[in-house]
Amino acid sequence: KVLFQSERIVILVTPLYFKKLWTMFELCLFLTVHSASQLSFQPTLLCKFSAAVFPVAYFGCAAYLLIGMFWPSAPTWLLLVLGLLPSLVFNLYYVYIVRRMTRELRAIRAEA
């Protein structure tokens, strides 16, 4: 009933998604009533990426502000490291996630 009343469906996809009978049934049922333009696939790695990025960014900003506030004569290199290190970690992890997500999407397209 819910699939018939829904306007869109967003599917969080892993390579295992297309191998399960229930998920294929759900997808086919939705497509019998709606067009494919109302279907959206999202890789699950984006969720992992968001959960990992926010703590790193928060730690970097908090450390930068706290050291600057409580230790006004802090060496410039220390403030630069605390400001740039979280950014570096974020960027490296972002590249890793995008490459892995691209591989997952290729595997999903190959199976479909």
PDB file of N, CA and C in Angstrom:
ATOM      1  N   LYS A   1       0.821  -1.192   0.000  1.00  0.00           N
ATOM      2  CA  LYS A   1       0.000   0.000   0.000  1.00  0.00           C
ATOM      3  C   LYS A   1       0.872   1.266   0.000  1.00  0.00           C
ATOM      4  N   VAL A   2       1.933   1.248   0.781  1.00  0.00           N
ATOM      5  CA  VAL A   2       2.799   2.419   0.877  1.00  0.00           C
ATOM      6  C   VAL A   2       3.483   2.688  -0.457  1.00  0.00           C
ATOM      7  N   LEU A   3       3.926   1.642  -1.144  1.00  0.00           N
ATOM      8  CA  LEU A   3       4.594   1.825  -2.436  1.00  0.00           C
ATOM      9  C   LEU A   3       3.656   2.423  -3.476  1.00  0.00           C
ATOM     10  N   PHE A   4       2.390   2.078  -3.409  1.00  0.00           N
ATOM     11  CA  PHE A   4       1.425   2.625  -4.373  1.00  0.00           C
ATOM     12  C   PHE A   4       1.130   4.090  -4.103  1.00  0.00           C
ATOM     13  N   GLN A   5       1.167   4.498  -2.852  1.00  0.00           N
ATOM     14  CA  GLN A   5       0.841   5.880  -2.495  1.00  0.00           C
ATOM     15  C   GLN A   5       2.043   6.812  -2.561  1.00  0.00           C
ATOM     16  N   SER A   6       3.226   6.269  -2.617  1.00  0.00           N
ATOM     17  CA  SER A   6       4.441   7.089  -2.638  1.00  0.00           C
ATOM     18  C   SER A   6       4.624   7.754  -3.999  1.00  0.00           C
ATOM     19  N   GLU A   7       5.169   8.962  -3.975  1.00  0.00           N
ATOM     20  CA  GLU A   7       5.458   9.673  -5.219  1.00  0.00           C
ATOM     21  C   GLU A   7       6.840   9.321  -5.749  1.00  0.00           C
ATOM     22  N   ARG A   8       7.777   9.057  -4.840  1.00  0.00           N
ATOM     23  CA  ARG A   8       9.157   8.704  -5.201  1.00  0.00           C
ATOM     24  C   ARG A   8       9.648   7.616  -4.267  1.00  0.00           C
ATOM     25  N   ILE A   9      10.751   6.992  -4.681  1.00  0.00           N
ATOM     26  CA  ILE A   9      11.416   6.039  -3.806  1.00  0.00           C
ATOM     27  C   ILE A   9      12.914   6.288  -3.904  1.00  0.00           C
ATOM     28  N   VAL A  10      13.551   6.329  -2.754  1.00  0.00           N
ATOM     29  CA  VAL A  10      15.003   6.474  -2.683  1.00  0.00           C
ATOM     30  C   VAL A  10      15.538   5.166  -2.117  1.00  0.00           C
ATOM     31  N   ILE A  11      16.403   4.522  -2.875  1.00  0.00           N
ATOM     32  CA  ILE A  11      16.931   3.222  -2.479  1.00  0.00           C
ATOM     33  C   ILE A  11      18.400   3.378  -2.111  1.00  0.00           C
ATOM     34  N   LEU A  12      18.747   2.968  -0.894  1.00  0.00           N
ATOM     35  CA  LEU A  12      20.138   2.967  -0.460  1.00  0.00           C
ATOM     36  C   LEU A  12      20.762   1.666  -0.947  1.00  0.00           C
ATOM     37  N   VAL A  13      21.672   1.776  -1.897  1.00  0.00           N
ATOM     38  CA  VAL A  13      22.155   0.614  -2.638  1.00  0.00           C
ATOM     39  C   VAL A  13      23.517   0.136  -2.142  1.00  0.00           C
ATOM     40  N   THR A  14      23.636  -1.169  -2.036  1.00  0.00           N
ATOM     41  CA  THR A  14      24.918  -1.851  -1.860  1.00  0.00           C
ATOM     42  C   THR A  14      25.008  -2.873  -2.988  1.00  0.00           C
ATOM     43  N   PRO A  15      26.185  -3.434  -3.249  1.00  0.00           N
ATOM     44  CA  PRO A  15      26.258  -4.459  -4.298  1.00  0.00           C
ATOM     45  C   PRO A  15      25.357  -5.659  -4.019  1.00  0.00           C
ATOM     46  N   LEU A  16      24.990  -5.875  -2.775  1.00  0.00           N
ATOM     47  CA  LEU A  16      24.127  -7.000  -2.399  1.00  0.00           C
ATOM     48  C   LEU A  16      22.649  -6.733  -2.708  1.00  0.00           C
ATOM     49  N   TYR A  17      22.292  -5.475  -2.952  1.00  0.00           N
ATOM     50  CA  TYR A  17      20.874  -5.095  -3.117  1.00  0.00           C
ATOM     51  C   TYR A  17      20.164  -5.913  -4.190  1.00  0.00           C
ATOM     52  N   PHE A  18      20.781  -6.084  -5.337  1.00  0.00           N
ATOM     53  CA  PHE A  18      20.121  -6.749  -6.458  1.00  0.00           C
ATOM     54  C   PHE A  18      20.132  -8.273  -6.334  1.00  0.00           C
ATOM     55  N   LYS A  19      20.700  -8.793  -5.270  1.00  0.00           N
ATOM     56  CA  LYS A  19      20.747 -10.245  -5.076  1.00  0.00           C
ATOM     57  C   LYS A  19      19.670 -10.754  -4.132  1.00  0.00           C
ATOM     58  N   LYS A  20      18.928  -9.866  -3.519  1.00  0.00           N
ATOM     59  CA  LYS A  20      17.889 -10.278  -2.558  1.00  0.00           C
ATOM     60  C   LYS A  20      16.518 -10.247  -3.225  1.00  0.00           C
ATOM     61  N   LEU A  21      15.747 -11.270  -2.974  1.00  0.00           N
ATOM     62  CA  LEU A  21      14.427 -11.392  -3.594  1.00  0.00           C
ATOM     63  C   LEU A  21      13.481 -10.285  -3.134  1.00  0.00           C
ATOM     64  N   TRP A  22      13.492  -9.974  -1.838  1.00  0.00           N
ATOM     65  CA  TRP A  22      12.562  -8.972  -1.320  1.00  0.00           C
ATOM     66  C   TRP A  22      12.812  -7.600  -1.947  1.00  0.00           C
ATOM     67  N   THR A  23      14.054  -7.226  -2.088  1.00  0.00           N
ATOM     68  CA  THR A  23      14.343  -5.910  -2.651  1.00  0.00           C
ATOM     69  C   THR A  23      13.979  -5.849  -4.130  1.00  0.00           C
ATOM     70  N   MET A  24      14.177  -6.935  -4.844  1.00  0.00           N
ATOM     71  CA  MET A  24      13.791  -6.962  -6.261  1.00  0.00           C
ATOM     72  C   MET A  24      12.268  -6.884  -6.398  1.00  0.00           C
ATOM     73  N   PHE A  25      11.564  -7.578  -5.502  1.00  0.00           N
ATOM     74  CA  PHE A  25      10.106  -7.520  -5.503  1.00  0.00           C
ATOM     75  C   PHE A  25       9.623  -6.096  -5.253  1.00  0.00           C
ATOM     76  N   GLU A  26      10.221  -5.444  -4.287  1.00  0.00           N
ATOM     77  CA  GLU A  26       9.853  -4.065  -3.956  1.00  0.00           C
ATOM     78  C   GLU A  26      10.105  -3.132  -5.140  1.00  0.00           C
ATOM     79  N   LEU A  27      11.245  -3.284  -5.773  1.00  0.00           N
ATOM     80  CA  LEU A  27      11.592  -2.456  -6.924  1.00  0.00           C
ATOM     81  C   LEU A  27      10.634  -2.687  -8.089  1.00  0.00           C
ATOM     82  N   CYS A  28      10.345  -3.937  -8.401  1.00  0.00           N
ATOM     83  CA  CYS A  28       9.426  -4.250  -9.503  1.00  0.00           C
ATOM     84  C   CYS A  28       8.017  -3.750  -9.212  1.00  0.00           C
ATOM     85  N   LEU A  29       7.590  -3.890  -7.981  1.00  0.00           N
ATOM     86  CA  LEU A  29       6.262  -3.420  -7.596  1.00  0.00           C
ATOM     87  C   LEU A  29       6.156  -1.901  -7.761  1.00  0.00           C
ATOM     88  N   PHE A  30       7.185  -1.191  -7.350  1.00  0.00           N
ATOM     89  CA  PHE A  30       7.173   0.262  -7.500  1.00  0.00           C
ATOM     90  C   PHE A  30       7.145   0.657  -8.968  1.00  0.00           C
ATOM     91  N   LEU A  31       7.933  -0.031  -9.792  1.00  0.00           N
ATOM     92  CA  LEU A  31       8.021   0.327 -11.215  1.00  0.00           C
ATOM     93  C   LEU A  31       6.776  -0.059 -12.010  1.00  0.00           C
ATOM     94  N   THR A  32       5.941  -0.945 -11.489  1.00  0.00           N
ATOM     95  CA  THR A  32       4.684  -1.251 -12.183  1.00  0.00           C
ATOM     96  C   THR A  32       3.698  -0.094 -12.076  1.00  0.00           C
ATOM     97  N   VAL A  33       3.836   0.696 -11.035  1.00  0.00           N
ATOM     98  CA  VAL A  33       2.895   1.804 -10.807  1.00  0.00           C
ATOM     99  C   VAL A  33       3.483   3.154 -11.200  1.00  0.00           C
ATOM    100  N   HIS A  34       4.790   3.315 -11.026  1.00  0.00           N
ATOM    101  CA  HIS A  34       5.445   4.604 -11.260  1.00  0.00           C
ATOM    102  C   HIS A  34       6.467   4.491 -12.379  1.00  0.00           C
ATOM    103  N   SER A  35       6.904   5.651 -12.872  1.00  0.00           N
ATOM    104  CA  SER A  35       7.938   5.653 -13.912  1.00  0.00           C
ATOM    105  C   SER A  35       9.328   5.579 -13.262  1.00  0.00           C
ATOM    106  N   ALA A  36      10.304   5.249 -14.069  1.00  0.00           N
ATOM    107  CA  ALA A  36      11.676   5.124 -13.571  1.00  0.00           C
ATOM    108  C   ALA A  36      12.248   6.472 -13.140  1.00  0.00           C
ATOM    109  N   SER A  37      11.690   7.576 -13.619  1.00  0.00           N
ATOM    110  CA  SER A  37      12.193   8.901 -13.220  1.00  0.00           C
ATOM    111  C   SER A  37      11.890   9.202 -11.753  1.00  0.00           C
ATOM    112  N   GLN A  38      10.968   8.460 -11.159  1.00  0.00           N
ATOM    113  CA  GLN A  38      10.627   8.669  -9.754  1.00  0.00           C
ATOM    114  C   GLN A  38      11.446   7.766  -8.833  1.00  0.00           C
ATOM    115  N   LEU A  39      12.432   7.114  -9.404  1.00  0.00           N
ATOM    116  CA  LEU A  39      13.287   6.182  -8.680  1.00  0.00           C
ATOM    117  C   LEU A  39      14.669   6.796  -8.531  1.00  0.00           C
ATOM    118  N   SER A  40      15.225   6.718  -7.344  1.00  0.00           N
ATOM    119  CA  SER A  40      16.543   7.304  -7.097  1.00  0.00           C
ATOM    120  C   SER A  40      17.396   6.316  -6.311  1.00  0.00           C
ATOM    121  N   PHE A  41      18.609   6.063  -6.790  1.00  0.00           N
ATOM    122  CA  PHE A  41      19.553   5.185  -6.108  1.00  0.00           C
ATOM    123  C   PHE A  41      20.616   6.032  -5.422  1.00  0.00           C
ATOM    124  N   GLN A  42      20.899   5.729  -4.171  1.00  0.00           N
ATOM    125  CA  GLN A  42      21.954   6.411  -3.427  1.00  0.00           C
ATOM    126  C   GLN A  42      22.886   5.368  -2.821  1.00  0.00           C
ATOM    127  N   PRO A  43      24.180   5.459  -3.055  1.00  0.00           N
ATOM    128  CA  PRO A  43      25.125   4.518  -2.450  1.00  0.00           C
ATOM    129  C   PRO A  43      25.199   4.715  -0.937  1.00  0.00           C
ATOM    130  N   THR A  44      25.352   3.647  -0.200  1.00  0.00           N
ATOM    131  CA  THR A  44      25.404   3.741   1.261  1.00  0.00           C
ATOM    132  C   THR A  44      26.696   4.370   1.762  1.00  0.00           C
ATOM    133  N   LEU A  45      27.708   4.453   0.927  1.00  0.00           N
ATOM    134  CA  LEU A  45      28.969   5.046   1.373  1.00  0.00           C
ATOM    135  C   LEU A  45      28.831   6.523   1.713  1.00  0.00           C
ATOM    136  N   LEU A  46      27.842   7.199   1.135  1.00  0.00           N
ATOM    137  CA  LEU A  46      27.663   8.611   1.465  1.00  0.00           C
ATOM    138  C   LEU A  46      27.296   8.789   2.930  1.00  0.00           C
ATOM    139  N   CYS A  47      26.537   7.855   3.481  1.00  0.00           N
ATOM    140  CA  CYS A  47      26.183   7.914   4.904  1.00  0.00           C
ATOM    141  C   CYS A  47      27.433   7.749   5.761  1.00  0.00           C
ATOM    142  N   LYS A  48      28.278   6.789   5.395  1.00  0.00           N
ATOM    143  CA  LYS A  48      29.513   6.566   6.148  1.00  0.00           C
ATOM    144  C   LYS A  48      30.415   7.788   6.046  1.00  0.00           C
ATOM    145  N   PHE A  49      30.452   8.398   4.887  1.00  0.00           N
ATOM    146  CA  PHE A  49      31.289   9.575   4.679  1.00  0.00           C
ATOM    147  C   PHE A  49      30.845  10.713   5.592  1.00  0.00           C
ATOM    148  N   SER A  50      29.552  10.975   5.642  1.00  0.00           N
ATOM    149  CA  SER A  50      29.035  12.061   6.478  1.00  0.00           C
ATOM    150  C   SER A  50      29.315  11.802   7.955  1.00  0.00           C
ATOM    151  N   ALA A  51      29.157  10.565   8.385  1.00  0.00           N
ATOM    152  CA  ALA A  51      29.386  10.238   9.789  1.00  0.00           C
ATOM    153  C   ALA A  51      30.859  10.382  10.168  1.00  0.00           C
ATOM    154  N   ALA A  52      31.753  10.202   9.232  1.00  0.00           N
ATOM    155  CA  ALA A  52      33.185  10.301   9.534  1.00  0.00           C
ATOM    156  C   ALA A  52      33.702  11.734   9.431  1.00  0.00           C
ATOM    157  N   VAL A  53      33.126  12.526   8.572  1.00  0.00           N
ATOM    158  CA  VAL A  53      33.648  13.865   8.315  1.00  0.00           C
ATOM    159  C   VAL A  53      33.324  14.841   9.441  1.00  0.00           C
ATOM    160  N   PHE A  54      32.125  14.819   9.944  1.00  0.00           N
ATOM    161  CA  PHE A  54      31.732  15.822  10.925  1.00  0.00           C
ATOM    162  C   PHE A  54      32.558  15.773  12.211  1.00  0.00           C
ATOM    163  N   PRO A  55      32.846  14.605  12.787  1.00  0.00           N
ATOM    164  CA  PRO A  55      33.693  14.614  13.991  1.00  0.00           C
ATOM    165  C   PRO A  55      35.101  15.151  13.725  1.00  0.00           C
ATOM    166  N   VAL A  56      35.681  14.823  12.587  1.00  0.00           N
ATOM    167  CA  VAL A  56      37.030  15.307  12.262  1.00  0.00           C
ATOM    168  C   VAL A  56      37.022  16.825  12.123  1.00  0.00           C
ATOM    169  N   ALA A  57      36.068  17.347  11.397  1.00  0.00           N
ATOM    170  CA  ALA A  57      35.984  18.792  11.211  1.00  0.00           C
ATOM    171  C   ALA A  57      35.708  19.508  12.542  1.00  0.00           C
ATOM    172  N   TYR A  58      34.835  18.936  13.355  1.00  0.00           N
ATOM    173  CA  TYR A  58      34.507  19.533  14.651  1.00  0.00           C
ATOM    174  C   TYR A  58      35.738  19.562  15.556  1.00  0.00           C
ATOM    175  N   PHE A  59      36.467  18.454  15.617  1.00  0.00           N
ATOM    176  CA  PHE A  59      37.662  18.394  16.457  1.00  0.00           C
ATOM    177  C   PHE A  59      38.686  19.445  16.026  1.00  0.00           C
ATOM    178  N   GLY A  60      38.908  19.569  14.745  1.00  0.00           N
ATOM    179  CA  GLY A  60      39.876  20.543  14.251  1.00  0.00           C
ATOM    180  C   GLY A  60      39.504  21.965  14.606  1.00  0.00           C
ATOM    181  N   CYS A  61      38.257  22.318  14.399  1.00  0.00           N
ATOM    182  CA  CYS A  61      37.804  23.689  14.706  1.00  0.00           C
ATOM    183  C   CYS A  61      37.838  23.952  16.209  1.00  0.00           C
ATOM    184  N   ALA A  62      37.384  22.981  17.000  1.00  0.00           N
ATOM    185  CA  ALA A  62      37.369  23.163  18.456  1.00  0.00           C
ATOM    186  C   ALA A  62      38.789  23.305  18.999  1.00  0.00           C
ATOM    187  N   ALA A  63      39.700  22.460  18.536  1.00  0.00           N
ATOM    188  CA  ALA A  63      41.089  22.539  19.016  1.00  0.00           C
ATOM    189  C   ALA A  63      41.711  23.876  18.622  1.00  0.00           C
ATOM    190  N   TYR A  64      41.479  24.300  17.410  1.00  0.00           N
ATOM    191  CA  TYR A  64      42.019  25.574  16.927  1.00  0.00           C
ATOM    192  C   TYR A  64      41.525  26.736  17.790  1.00  0.00           C
ATOM    193  N   LEU A  65      40.220  26.759  18.051  1.00  0.00           N
ATOM    194  CA  LEU A  65      39.646  27.853  18.845  1.00  0.00           C
ATOM    195  C   LEU A  65      40.096  27.805  20.299  1.00  0.00           C
ATOM    196  N   LEU A  66      40.103  26.616  20.896  1.00  0.00           N
ATOM    197  CA  LEU A  66      40.478  26.505  22.307  1.00  0.00           C
ATOM    198  C   LEU A  66      41.938  26.880  22.543  1.00  0.00           C
ATOM    199  N   ILE A  67      42.818  26.420  21.677  1.00  0.00           N
ATOM    200  CA  ILE A  67      44.233  26.773  21.848  1.00  0.00           C
ATOM    201  C   ILE A  67      44.430  28.275  21.647  1.00  0.00           C
ATOM    202  N   GLY A  68      43.773  28.828  20.652  1.00  0.00           N
ATOM    203  CA  GLY A  68      43.889  30.274  20.430  1.00  0.00           C
ATOM    204  C   GLY A  68      43.336  31.089  21.584  1.00  0.00           C
ATOM    205  N   MET A  69      42.295  30.564  22.252  1.00  0.00           N
ATOM    206  CA  MET A  69      41.659  31.288  23.341  1.00  0.00           C
ATOM    207  C   MET A  69      42.466  31.182  24.644  1.00  0.00           C
ATOM    208  N   PHE A  70      42.903  29.980  24.984  1.00  0.00           N
ATOM    209  CA  PHE A  70      43.560  29.758  26.272  1.00  0.00           C
ATOM    210  C   PHE A  70      45.084  29.881  26.217  1.00  0.00           C
ATOM    211  N   TRP A  71      45.631  29.942  25.030  1.00  0.00           N
ATOM    212  CA  TRP A  71      47.081  30.077  24.878  1.00  0.00           C
ATOM    213  C   TRP A  71      47.350  31.088  23.761  1.00  0.00           C
ATOM    214  N   PRO A  72      47.156  32.378  24.088  1.00  0.00           N
ATOM    215  CA  PRO A  72      47.273  33.412  23.055  1.00  0.00           C
ATOM    216  C   PRO A  72      48.646  33.469  22.393  1.00  0.00           C
ATOM    217  N   SER A  73      49.684  33.043  23.088  1.00  0.00           N
ATOM    218  CA  SER A  73      51.020  33.089  22.507  1.00  0.00           C
ATOM    219  C   SER A  73      51.407  31.754  21.858  1.00  0.00           C
ATOM    220  N   ALA A  74      50.414  30.972  21.481  1.00  0.00           N
ATOM    221  CA  ALA A  74      50.680  29.671  20.855  1.00  0.00           C
ATOM    222  C   ALA A  74      51.459  29.862  19.561  1.00  0.00           C
ATOM    223  N   PRO A  75      52.382  28.949  19.286  1.00  0.00           N
ATOM    224  CA  PRO A  75      53.148  29.072  18.038  1.00  0.00           C
ATOM    225  C   PRO A  75      52.240  28.984  16.812  1.00  0.00           C
ATOM    226  N   THR A  76      52.583  29.750  15.817  1.00  0.00           N
ATOM    227  CA  THR A  76      51.783  29.779  14.590  1.00  0.00           C
ATOM    228  C   THR A  76      51.714  28.409  13.934  1.00  0.00           C
ATOM    229  N   TRP A  77      52.815  27.661  13.971  1.00  0.00           N
ATOM    230  CA  TRP A  77      52.824  26.336  13.340  1.00  0.00           C
ATOM    231  C   TRP A  77      51.795  25.407  13.976  1.00  0.00           C
ATOM    232  N   LEU A  78      51.606  25.543  15.310  1.00  0.00           N
ATOM    233  CA  LEU A  78      50.636  24.687  15.994  1.00  0.00           C
ATOM    234  C   LEU A  78      49.217  25.003  15.526  1.00  0.00           C
ATOM    235  N   LEU A  79      48.915  26.288  15.416  1.00  0.00           N
ATOM    236  CA  LEU A  79      47.583  26.672  14.945  1.00  0.00           C
ATOM    237  C   LEU A  79      47.371  26.255  13.494  1.00  0.00           C
ATOM    238  N   LEU A  80      48.416  26.368  12.679  1.00  0.00           N
ATOM    239  CA  LEU A  80      48.298  25.930  11.284  1.00  0.00           C
ATOM    240  C   LEU A  80      48.069  24.427  11.186  1.00  0.00           C
ATOM    241  N   VAL A  81      48.801  23.664  11.995  1.00  0.00           N
ATOM    242  CA  VAL A  81      48.634  22.203  11.972  1.00  0.00           C
ATOM    243  C   VAL A  81      47.219  21.829  12.405  1.00  0.00           C
ATOM    244  N   LEU A  82      46.735  22.460  13.469  1.00  0.00           N
ATOM    245  CA  LEU A  82      45.385  22.131  13.940  1.00  0.00           C
ATOM    246  C   LEU A  82      44.311  22.602  12.970  1.00  0.00           C
ATOM    247  N   GLY A  83      44.609  23.650  12.226  1.00  0.00           N
ATOM    248  CA  GLY A  83      43.643  24.109  11.231  1.00  0.00           C
ATOM    249  C   GLY A  83      43.698  23.315   9.939  1.00  0.00           C
ATOM    250  N   LEU A  84      44.905  22.890   9.532  1.00  0.00           N
ATOM    251  CA  LEU A  84      45.059  22.201   8.253  1.00  0.00           C
ATOM    252  C   LEU A  84      44.949  20.681   8.341  1.00  0.00           C
ATOM    253  N   LEU A  85      45.317  20.109   9.482  1.00  0.00           N
ATOM    254  CA  LEU A  85      45.294  18.651   9.604  1.00  0.00           C
ATOM    255  C   LEU A  85      43.884  18.072   9.407  1.00  0.00           C
ATOM    256  N   PRO A  86      42.859  18.608  10.080  1.00  0.00           N
ATOM    257  CA  PRO A  86      41.518  18.065   9.828  1.00  0.00           C
ATOM    258  C   PRO A  86      41.095  18.217   8.367  1.00  0.00           C
ATOM    259  N   SER A  87      41.492  19.320   7.746  1.00  0.00           N
ATOM    260  CA  SER A  87      41.159  19.525   6.342  1.00  0.00           C
ATOM    261  C   SER A  87      41.850  18.492   5.464  1.00  0.00           C
ATOM    262  N   LEU A  88      43.106  18.199   5.754  1.00  0.00           N
ATOM    263  CA  LEU A  88      43.841  17.185   5.004  1.00  0.00           C
ATOM    264  C   LEU A  88      43.208  15.811   5.165  1.00  0.00           C
ATOM    265  N   VAL A  89      42.878  15.462   6.400  1.00  0.00           N
ATOM    266  CA  VAL A  89      42.225  14.169   6.657  1.00  0.00           C
ATOM    267  C   VAL A  89      40.895  14.100   5.911  1.00  0.00           C
ATOM    268  N   PHE A  90      40.136  15.163   5.977  1.00  0.00           N
ATOM    269  CA  PHE A  90      38.848  15.217   5.294  1.00  0.00           C
ATOM    270  C   PHE A  90      39.020  14.984   3.796  1.00  0.00           C
ATOM    271  N   ASN A  91      39.973  15.685   3.181  1.00  0.00           N
ATOM    272  CA  ASN A  91      40.168  15.565   1.732  1.00  0.00           C
ATOM    273  C   ASN A  91      40.642  14.181   1.320  1.00  0.00           C
ATOM    274  N   LEU A  92      41.556  13.607   2.075  1.00  0.00           N
ATOM    275  CA  LEU A  92      42.022  12.249   1.759  1.00  0.00           C
ATOM    276  C   LEU A  92      40.895  11.233   1.889  1.00  0.00           C
ATOM    277  N   TYR A  93      40.100  11.371   2.940  1.00  0.00           N
ATOM    278  CA  TYR A  93      38.977  10.449   3.123  1.00  0.00           C
ATOM    279  C   TYR A  93      37.929  10.643   2.024  1.00  0.00           C
ATOM    280  N   TYR A  94      37.727  11.873   1.616  1.00  0.00           N
ATOM    281  CA  TYR A  94      36.783  12.163   0.543  1.00  0.00           C
ATOM    282  C   TYR A  94      37.205  11.478  -0.756  1.00  0.00           C
ATOM    283  N   VAL A  95      38.484  11.565  -1.084  1.00  0.00           N
ATOM    284  CA  VAL A  95      38.987  10.903  -2.293  1.00  0.00           C
ATOM    285  C   VAL A  95      38.783   9.395  -2.189  1.00  0.00           C
ATOM    286  N   TYR A  96      39.059   8.827  -1.023  1.00  0.00           N
ATOM    287  CA  TYR A  96      38.868   7.387  -0.809  1.00  0.00           C
ATOM    288  C   TYR A  96      37.406   7.002  -1.008  1.00  0.00           C
ATOM    289  N   ILE A  97      36.496   7.771  -0.419  1.00  0.00           N
ATOM    290  CA  ILE A  97      35.064   7.462  -0.519  1.00  0.00           C
ATOM    291  C   ILE A  97      34.579   7.576  -1.957  1.00  0.00           C
ATOM    292  N   VAL A  98      34.988   8.620  -2.655  1.00  0.00           N
ATOM    293  CA  VAL A  98      34.534   8.797  -4.037  1.00  0.00           C
ATOM    294  C   VAL A  98      35.037   7.657  -4.919  1.00  0.00           C
ATOM    295  N   ARG A  99      36.294   7.256  -4.743  1.00  0.00           N
ATOM    296  CA  ARG A  99      36.825   6.139  -5.540  1.00  0.00           C
ATOM    297  C   ARG A  99      36.090   4.841  -5.228  1.00  0.00           C
ATOM    298  N   ARG A 100      35.825   4.601  -3.945  1.00  0.00           N
ATOM    299  CA  ARG A 100      35.114   3.373  -3.562  1.00  0.00           C
ATOM    300  C   ARG A 100      33.674   3.398  -4.064  1.00  0.00           C
ATOM    301  N   MET A 101      33.029   4.560  -3.976  1.00  0.00           N
ATOM    302  CA  MET A 101      31.660   4.685  -4.446  1.00  0.00           C
ATOM    303  C   MET A 101      31.595   4.462  -5.957  1.00  0.00           C
ATOM    304  N   THR A 102      32.582   4.958  -6.686  1.00  0.00           N
ATOM    305  CA  THR A 102      32.624   4.748  -8.133  1.00  0.00           C
ATOM    306  C   THR A 102      32.744   3.265  -8.455  1.00  0.00           C
ATOM    307  N   ARG A 103      33.586   2.556  -7.712  1.00  0.00           N
ATOM    308  CA  ARG A 103      33.712   1.106  -7.918  1.00  0.00           C
ATOM    309  C   ARG A 103      32.401   0.387  -7.617  1.00  0.00           C
ATOM    310  N   GLU A 104      31.741   0.792  -6.532  1.00  0.00           N
ATOM    311  CA  GLU A 104      30.456   0.168  -6.180  1.00  0.00           C
ATOM    312  C   GLU A 104      29.416   0.410  -7.257  1.00  0.00           C
ATOM    313  N   LEU A 105      29.344   1.633  -7.758  1.00  0.00           N
ATOM    314  CA  LEU A 105      28.360   1.944  -8.788  1.00  0.00           C
ATOM    315  C   LEU A 105      28.631   1.164 -10.075  1.00  0.00           C
ATOM    316  N   ARG A 106      29.907   1.007 -10.422  1.00  0.00           N
ATOM    317  CA  ARG A 106      30.233   0.189 -11.598  1.00  0.00           C
ATOM    318  C   ARG A 106      29.799  -1.259 -11.394  1.00  0.00           C
ATOM    319  N   ALA A 107      30.013  -1.786 -10.194  1.00  0.00           N
ATOM    320  CA  ALA A 107      29.606  -3.164  -9.905  1.00  0.00           C
ATOM    321  C   ALA A 107      28.082  -3.299  -9.972  1.00  0.00           C
ATOM    322  N   ILE A 108      27.377  -2.285  -9.475  1.00  0.00           N
ATOM    323  CA  ILE A 108      25.910  -2.318  -9.484  1.00  0.00           C
ATOM    324  C   ILE A 108      25.401  -2.253 -10.915  1.00  0.00           C
ATOM    325  N   ARG A 109      25.982  -1.372 -11.725  1.00  0.00           N
ATOM    326  CA  ARG A 109      25.558  -1.264 -13.136  1.00  0.00           C
ATOM    327  C   ARG A 109      25.871  -2.543 -13.912  1.00  0.00           C
ATOM    328  N   ALA A 110      26.970  -3.182 -13.593  1.00  0.00           N
ATOM    329  CA  ALA A 110      27.333  -4.425 -14.276  1.00  0.00           C
ATOM    330  C   ALA A 110      26.358  -5.548 -13.956  1.00  0.00           C
ATOM    331  N   GLU A 111      25.824  -5.538 -12.721  1.00  0.00           N
ATOM    332  CA  GLU A 111      24.870  -6.569 -12.320  1.00  0.00           C
ATOM    333  C   GLU A 111      23.475  -6.319 -12.867  1.00  0.00           C
ATOM    334  N   ALA A 112      23.147  -5.049 -13.083  1.00  0.00           N
ATOM    335  CA  ALA A 112      21.774  -4.696 -13.499  1.00  0.00           C
ATOM    336  C   ALA A 112      21.507  -4.984 -14.937  1.00  0.00           C
TER     337      ALA A 112
END
